[in-house]
C-alpha atoms as a PDB file:
ATOM      1  CA  THR A   1     203.108  35.679 -35.210  1.00  0.00           C
ATOM      2  CA  ILE A   2     205.307  32.515 -35.894  1.00  0.00           C
ATOM      3  CA  GLU A   3     206.726  32.355 -39.164  1.00  0.00           C
ATOM      4  CA  ASP A   4     210.100  31.038 -40.671  1.00  0.00           C
ATOM      5  CA  GLY A   5     211.228  29.838 -37.232  1.00  0.00           C
ATOM      6  CA  GLN A   6     210.792  33.356 -35.491  1.00  0.00           C
ATOM      7  CA  CYS A   7     208.159  34.648 -33.268  1.00  0.00           C
ATOM      8  CA  HIS A   8     207.267  38.342 -33.792  1.00  0.00           C
ATOM      9  CA  LEU A   9     205.601  39.907 -30.831  1.00  0.00           C
ATOM     10  CA  LEU A  10     203.822  43.302 -30.598  1.00  0.00           C
ATOM     11  CA  ALA A  11     202.674  44.357 -27.166  1.00  0.00           C
ATOM     12  CA  LYS A  12     200.969  47.493 -26.172  1.00  0.00           C
ATOM     13  CA  ILE A  13     200.187  48.833 -22.791  1.00  0.00           C
ATOM     14  CA  LEU A  14     197.004  50.964 -22.559  1.00  0.00           C
ATOM     15  CA  LYS A  15     195.938  53.338 -19.855  1.00  0.00           C
ATOM     16  CA  ASN A  16     192.371  54.857 -20.291  1.00  0.00           C
ATOM     17  CA  GLY A  17     192.096  53.705 -23.734  1.00  0.00           C
ATOM     18  CA  LYS A  18     195.405  55.360 -24.886  1.00  0.00           C
ATOM     19  CA  ILE A  19     198.755  53.579 -25.729  1.00  0.00           C
ATOM     20  CA  GLN A  20     201.251  54.206 -22.997  1.00  0.00           C
ATOM     21  CA  LYS A  21     203.979  51.978 -24.396  1.00  0.00           C
ATOM     22  CA  THR A  22     204.634  49.570 -27.372  1.00  0.00           C
ATOM     23  CA  TYR A  23     206.919  46.762 -27.202  1.00  0.00           C
ATOM     24  CA  GLU A  24     208.107  44.855 -30.279  1.00  0.00           C
ATOM     25  CA  ALA A  25     210.431  41.840 -30.160  1.00  0.00           C
ATOM     26  CA  VAL A  26     211.710  38.994 -32.370  1.00  0.00           C
ATOM     27  CA  PHE A  27     212.585  35.522 -30.998  1.00  0.00           C
ATOM     28  CA  ASP A  28     214.076  32.424 -32.538  1.00  0.00           C
ATOM     29  CA  ASN A  29     211.191  29.961 -32.369  1.00  0.00           C
ATOM     30  CA  PRO A  30     211.854  26.513 -33.842  1.00  0.00           C
ATOM     31  CA  TYR A  31     208.504  25.257 -33.120  1.00  0.00           C
ATOM     32  CA  SER A  32     205.412  25.830 -35.343  1.00  0.00           C
ATOM     33  CA  ASP A  33     202.973  24.665 -32.902  1.00  0.00           C
ATOM     34  CA  ARG A  34     203.993  26.246 -29.765  1.00  0.00           C
ATOM     35  CA  LEU A  35     205.939  29.177 -28.057  1.00  0.00           C
ATOM     36  CA  ASP A  36     209.785  28.483 -27.186  1.00  0.00           C
ATOM     37  CA  SER A  37     210.369  29.079 -23.597  1.00  0.00           C
ATOM     38  CA  LYS A  38     212.219  32.423 -24.211  1.00  0.00           C
ATOM     39  CA  VAL A  39     209.062  33.800 -25.837  1.00  0.00           C
ATOM     40  CA  VAL A  40     206.996  32.934 -22.805  1.00  0.00           C
ATOM     41  CA  GLU A  41     209.529  34.349 -20.150  1.00  0.00           C
ATOM     42  CA  TYR A  42     209.550  37.634 -22.319  1.00  0.00           C
ATOM     43  CA  ILE A  43     205.569  37.798 -22.121  1.00  0.00           C
ATOM     44  CA  GLN A  44     205.344  36.931 -18.487  1.00  0.00           C
ATOM     45  CA  ASP A  45     207.965  39.605 -17.903  1.00  0.00           C
ATOM     46  CA  LYS A  46     205.875  42.178 -19.696  1.00  0.00           C
ATOM     47  CA  ALA A  47     202.617  41.070 -18.082  1.00  0.00           C
ATOM     48  CA  SER A  48     204.078  41.151 -14.488  1.00  0.00           C
ATOM     49  CA  SER A  49     204.079  45.203 -15.034  1.00  0.00           C
ATOM     50  CA  CYS A  50     200.433  45.255 -16.127  1.00  0.00           C
ATOM     51  CA  LEU A  51     197.239  45.106 -13.933  1.00  0.00           C
ATOM     52  CA  ASP A  52     195.227  43.032 -16.818  1.00  0.00           C
ATOM     53  CA  PHE A  53     197.036  41.178 -19.387  1.00  0.00           C
ATOM     54  CA  TYR A  54     195.292  39.651 -22.477  1.00  0.00           C
ATOM     55  CA  VAL A  55     196.968  37.470 -25.267  1.00  0.00           C
ATOM     56  CA  VAL A  56     195.407  37.872 -28.643  1.00  0.00           C
ATOM     57  CA  TYR A  57     195.984  35.948 -31.828  1.00  0.00           C
ATOM     58  CA  CYS A  58     194.654  36.616 -35.323  1.00  0.00           C
ATOM     59  CA  LEU A  59     193.483  33.170 -36.978  1.00  0.00           C
ATOM     60  CA  ASP A  60     195.497  32.525 -40.013  1.00  0.00           C
ATOM     61  CA  ALA A  61     194.205  29.084 -40.694  1.00  0.00           C
ATOM     62  CA  MET A  62     192.248  27.499 -43.763  1.00  0.00           C
ATOM     63  CA  GLY A  63     189.628  26.186 -41.392  1.00  0.00           C
ATOM     64  CA  GLN A  64     187.612  29.265 -41.206  1.00  0.00           C
ATOM     65  CA  GLY A  65     185.241  31.434 -43.183  1.00  0.00           C
ATOM     66  CA  ALA A  66     182.449  33.787 -43.485  1.00  0.00           C
ATOM     67  CA  LEU A  67     178.859  33.041 -44.432  1.00  0.00           C
ATOM     68  CA  PRO A  68     176.046  35.396 -45.408  1.00  0.00           C
ATOM     69  CA  THR A  69     173.684  33.590 -42.892  1.00  0.00           C
ATOM     70  CA  ILE A  70     173.242  33.380 -39.038  1.00  0.00           C
ATOM     71  CA  LYS A  71     171.117  30.236 -39.393  1.00  0.00           C
ATOM     72  CA  ALA A  72     173.299  27.284 -38.415  1.00  0.00           C
ATOM     73  CA  SER A  73     170.897  25.146 -40.461  1.00  0.00           C
ATOM     74  CA  GLU A  74     171.975  26.800 -43.577  1.00  0.00           C
ATOM     75  CA  PHE A  75     175.547  26.058 -43.226  1.00  0.00           C
ATOM     76  CA  GLU A  76     175.170  22.832 -44.904  1.00  0.00           C
ATOM     77  CA  ALA A  77     174.329  24.560 -48.065  1.00  0.00           C
ATOM     78  CA  PHE A  78     177.813  26.045 -48.030  1.00  0.00           C
ATOM     79  CA  SER A  79     179.381  22.483 -47.471  1.00  0.00           C
ATOM     80  CA  VAL A  80     180.213  23.600 -43.792  1.00  0.00           C
ATOM     81  CA  ASP A  81     179.223  20.982 -41.199  1.00  0.00           C
ATOM     82  CA  ILE A  82     178.107  23.145 -38.123  1.00  0.00           C
ATOM     83  CA  LYS A  83     179.077  20.341 -35.663  1.00  0.00           C
ATOM     84  CA  ASP A  84     182.804  20.923 -36.760  1.00  0.00           C
ATOM     85  CA  VAL A  85     182.930  24.438 -36.308  1.00  0.00           C
ATOM     86  CA  ARG A  86     182.252  27.330 -33.880  1.00  0.00           C
ATOM     87  CA  GLN A  87     179.925  30.094 -35.175  1.00  0.00           C
ATOM     88  CA  VAL A  88     179.881  33.599 -34.129  1.00  0.00           C
ATOM     89  CA  LYS A  89     177.228  35.930 -35.594  1.00  0.00           C
ATOM     90  CA  VAL A  90     178.000  39.281 -36.719  1.00  0.00           C
ATOM     91  CA  ALA A  91     175.632  42.131 -36.747  1.00  0.00           C
ATOM     92  CA  ASP A  92     173.060  39.552 -36.507  1.00  0.00           C
ATOM     93  CA  ILE A  93     172.956  39.216 -40.342  1.00  0.00           C
ATOM     94  CA  TRP A  94     176.025  37.169 -41.269  1.00  0.00           C
ATOM     95  CA  SER A  95     178.382  34.633 -39.442  1.00  0.00           C
ATOM     96  CA  VAL A  96     182.032  33.943 -39.078  1.00  0.00           C
ATOM     97  CA  TYR A  97     183.216  30.338 -38.281  1.00  0.00           C
ATOM     98  CA  ALA A  98     186.551  28.534 -37.462  1.00  0.00           C
ATOM     99  CA  SER A  99     186.777  24.619 -37.251  1.00  0.00           C
ATOM    100  CA  TYR A 100     187.350  23.197 -33.711  1.00  0.00           C
ATOM    101  CA  ILE A 101     190.665  21.996 -34.869  1.00  0.00           C
ATOM    102  CA  GLU A 102     192.080  25.284 -35.681  1.00  0.00           C
ATOM    103  CA  ILE A 103     190.796  26.758 -32.595  1.00  0.00           C
ATOM    104  CA  ASN A 104     192.362  23.978 -30.397  1.00  0.00           C
ATOM    105  CA  ARG A 105     195.608  24.376 -32.331  1.00  0.00           C
ATOM    106  CA  ALA A 106     195.728  28.090 -31.536  1.00  0.00           C
ATOM    107  CA  GLN A 107     194.953  27.466 -27.835  1.00  0.00           C
ATOM    108  CA  LYS A 108     197.596  24.849 -27.778  1.00  0.00           C
ATOM    109  CA  MET A 109     200.277  27.284 -29.149  1.00  0.00           C
ATOM    110  CA  PHE A 110     199.425  29.528 -26.090  1.00  0.00           C
ATOM    111  CA  ASP A 111     199.287  26.824 -23.583  1.00  0.00           C
ATOM    112  CA  GLU A 112     201.754  28.181 -21.150  1.00  0.00           C
ATOM    113  CA  ILE A 113     200.373  31.661 -21.074  1.00  0.00           C
ATOM    114  CA  GLY A 114     196.863  31.277 -22.135  1.00  0.00           C
ATOM    115  CA  LEU A 115     194.946  32.471 -25.198  1.00  0.00           C
ATOM    116  CA  ASN A 116     192.237  35.275 -24.320  1.00  0.00           C
ATOM    117  CA  LEU A 117     190.932  36.456 -27.714  1.00  0.00           C
ATOM    118  CA  LEU A 118     191.011  34.739 -31.051  1.00  0.00           C
ATOM    119  CA  TYR A 119     190.210  37.126 -33.755  1.00  0.00           C
ATOM    120  CA  SER A 120     188.891  36.518 -37.292  1.00  0.00           C
ATOM    121  CA  PRO A 121     190.313  38.338 -40.122  1.00  0.00           C
ATOM    122  CA  PHE A 122     186.787  38.749 -41.342  1.00  0.00           C
ATOM    123  CA  VAL A 123     185.643  40.626 -38.263  1.00  0.00           C
ATOM    124  CA  LEU A 124     188.722  42.765 -38.451  1.00  0.00           C
ATOM    125  CA  LEU A 125     187.755  43.782 -42.089  1.00  0.00           C
ATOM    126  CA  TYR A 126     184.398  44.254 -40.740  1.00  0.00           C
ATOM    127  CA  HIS A 127     185.628  46.653 -38.227  1.00  0.00           C
ATOM    128  CA  CYS A 128     187.538  48.736 -40.676  1.00  0.00           C
ATOM    129  CA  LEU A 129     184.562  49.009 -42.736  1.00  0.00           C
ATOM    130  CA  GLN A 130     182.533  50.243 -39.749  1.00  0.00           C
ATOM    131  CA  LYS A 131     184.986  52.954 -39.226  1.00  0.00           C
ATOM    132  CA  GLU A 132     185.204  53.869 -42.922  1.00  0.00           C
ATOM    133  CA  GLY A 133     181.489  53.732 -43.732  1.00  0.00           C
ATOM    134  CA  PHE A 134     179.787  51.061 -45.878  1.00  0.00           C
ATOM    135  CA  ARG A 135     178.818  51.538 -49.556  1.00  0.00           C
ATOM    136  CA  GLN A 136     175.317  50.843 -50.252  1.00  0.00           C
ATOM    137  CA  LYS A 137     176.052  48.916 -53.620  1.00  0.00           C
ATOM    138  CA  PRO A 138     177.870  45.575 -53.651  1.00  0.00           C
ATOM    139  CA  THR A 139     181.693  46.319 -53.142  1.00  0.00           C
ATOM    140  CA  LEU A 140     184.696  44.004 -52.904  1.00  0.00           C
ATOM    141  CA  TYR A 141     187.024  44.646 -49.846  1.00  0.00           C
ATOM    142  CA  MET A 142     190.199  42.878 -48.926  1.00  0.00           C
ATOM    143  CA  TYR A 143     192.057  42.618 -45.593  1.00  0.00           C
ATOM    144  CA  ASN A 144     195.656  41.570 -45.859  1.00  0.00           C
ATOM    145  CA  HIS A 145     197.323  39.844 -42.686  1.00  0.00           C
ATOM    146  CA  LYS A 146     200.935  38.528 -42.976  1.00  0.00           C
ATOM    147  CA  ASP A 147     200.856  35.801 -45.507  1.00  0.00           C
ATOM    148  CA  SER A 148     197.019  35.496 -45.733  1.00  0.00           C
ATOM    149  CA  PHE A 149     194.165  37.593 -46.627  1.00  0.00           C
ATOM    150  CA  VAL A 150     190.349  37.656 -46.698  1.00  0.00           C
ATOM    151  CA  ILE A 151     187.883  39.313 -49.308  1.00  0.00           C
ATOM    152  CA  GLY A 152     184.378  40.102 -48.613  1.00  0.00           C
ATOM    153  CA  ILE A 153     181.643  41.382 -50.982  1.00  0.00           C
ATOM    154  CA  PHE A 154     179.323  43.697 -48.904  1.00  0.00           C
ATOM    155  CA  LYS A 155     176.055  45.409 -49.712  1.00  0.00           C
ATOM    156  CA  GLY A 156     175.854  47.912 -46.919  1.00  0.00           C
ATOM    157  CA  ASN A 157     176.768  46.014 -43.791  1.00  0.00           C
ATOM    158  CA  ARG A 158     175.526  42.803 -45.150  1.00  0.00           C
ATOM    159  CA  LEU A 159     177.968  40.196 -46.258  1.00  0.00           C
ATOM    160  CA  LEU A 160     177.294  38.684 -49.667  1.00  0.00           C
ATOM    161  CA  PHE A 161     180.422  36.518 -49.983  1.00  0.00           C
ATOM    162  CA  GLY A 162     183.552  35.966 -48.116  1.00  0.00           C
ATOM    163  CA  ALA A 163     186.758  33.925 -48.927  1.00  0.00           C
ATOM    164  CA  PHE A 164     190.031  33.195 -47.042  1.00  0.00           C
ATOM    165  CA  PHE A 165     193.314  32.959 -48.823  1.00  0.00           C
ATOM    166  CA  ALA A 166     196.657  31.854 -47.542  1.00  0.00           C
ATOM    167  CA  LEU A 167     199.857  32.386 -49.558  1.00  0.00           C
ATOM    168  CA  LEU A 168     202.539  29.884 -49.202  1.00  0.00           C
ATOM    169  CA  MET A 169     206.006  30.051 -50.813  1.00  0.00           C
ATOM    170  CA  GLY A 170     204.658  31.851 -53.928  1.00  0.00           C
ATOM    171  CA  GLN A 171     201.450  29.855 -54.042  1.00  0.00           C
ATOM    172  CA  ILE A 172     198.068  30.552 -53.001  1.00  0.00           C
ATOM    173  CA  ARG A 173     196.000  28.032 -51.120  1.00  0.00           C
ATOM    174  CA  ILE A 174     192.226  28.933 -51.739  1.00  0.00           C
ATOM    175  CA  CYS A 175     189.297  27.961 -49.714  1.00  0.00           C
ATOM    176  CA  LEU A 176     186.186  29.351 -51.387  1.00  0.00           C
ATOM    177  CA  MET A 177     182.705  28.229 -51.085  1.00  0.00           C
ATOM    178  CA  ILE A 178     180.327  30.144 -53.340  1.00  0.00           C
ATOM    179  CA  LYS A 179     176.419  30.128 -53.262  1.00  0.00           C
ATOM    180  CA  SER A 180     175.238  32.049 -56.225  1.00  0.00           C
ATOM    181  CA  PHE A 181     172.103  33.965 -56.311  1.00  0.00           C
ATOM    182  CA  SER A 182     170.304  31.291 -58.287  1.00  0.00           C
ATOM    183  CA  ASN A 183     171.283  29.000 -55.174  1.00  0.00           C
ATOM    184  CA  LYS A 184     173.546  26.651 -56.961  1.00  0.00           C
ATOM    185  CA  ILE A 185     176.480  25.665 -55.044  1.00  0.00           C
ATOM    186  CA  GLY A 186     179.948  25.754 -56.669  1.00  0.00           C
ATOM    187  CA  ILE A 187     183.463  25.292 -55.096  1.00  0.00           C
ATOM    188  CA  ILE A 188     186.723  26.861 -56.728  1.00  0.00           C
END
């Protein structure tokens, strides 16, 4: 992650699905939109000792969300223009999305080394729930990641509502789109 002029790296070397070695490092990184050359050199050095190397980034931007549908035609009901976002279907019953602007920003940040995987915090929440087991009655869950978090209301593995929150200097930026059960749309 890059925050407050520093880049925090976490790298793990896996063999047969087991962690062999973990590297953690912190570098000064005055740029918020790209990696400093020292960071790139460090990553390339660690990558040179591995057969396969993947750069993974958890999206922490406001231009993302989760909707209780897989039908692109229904995104408009949630004030999301499908032409401006990349949709990924989850469990073939709900979707996560991210704006092309945010995807391009993330890719640009890793231009020199490449970005292999861009994770949605909604999917990470879902993965945790799969491991723990879903409750059959509507339940609110939260996934926290550095200065942002997502909430999801699930009934079983079906998403009923999802929202992304970003904390910024003691304030909360909120991006909520609610479609009530009576099919009225409200934005908070």
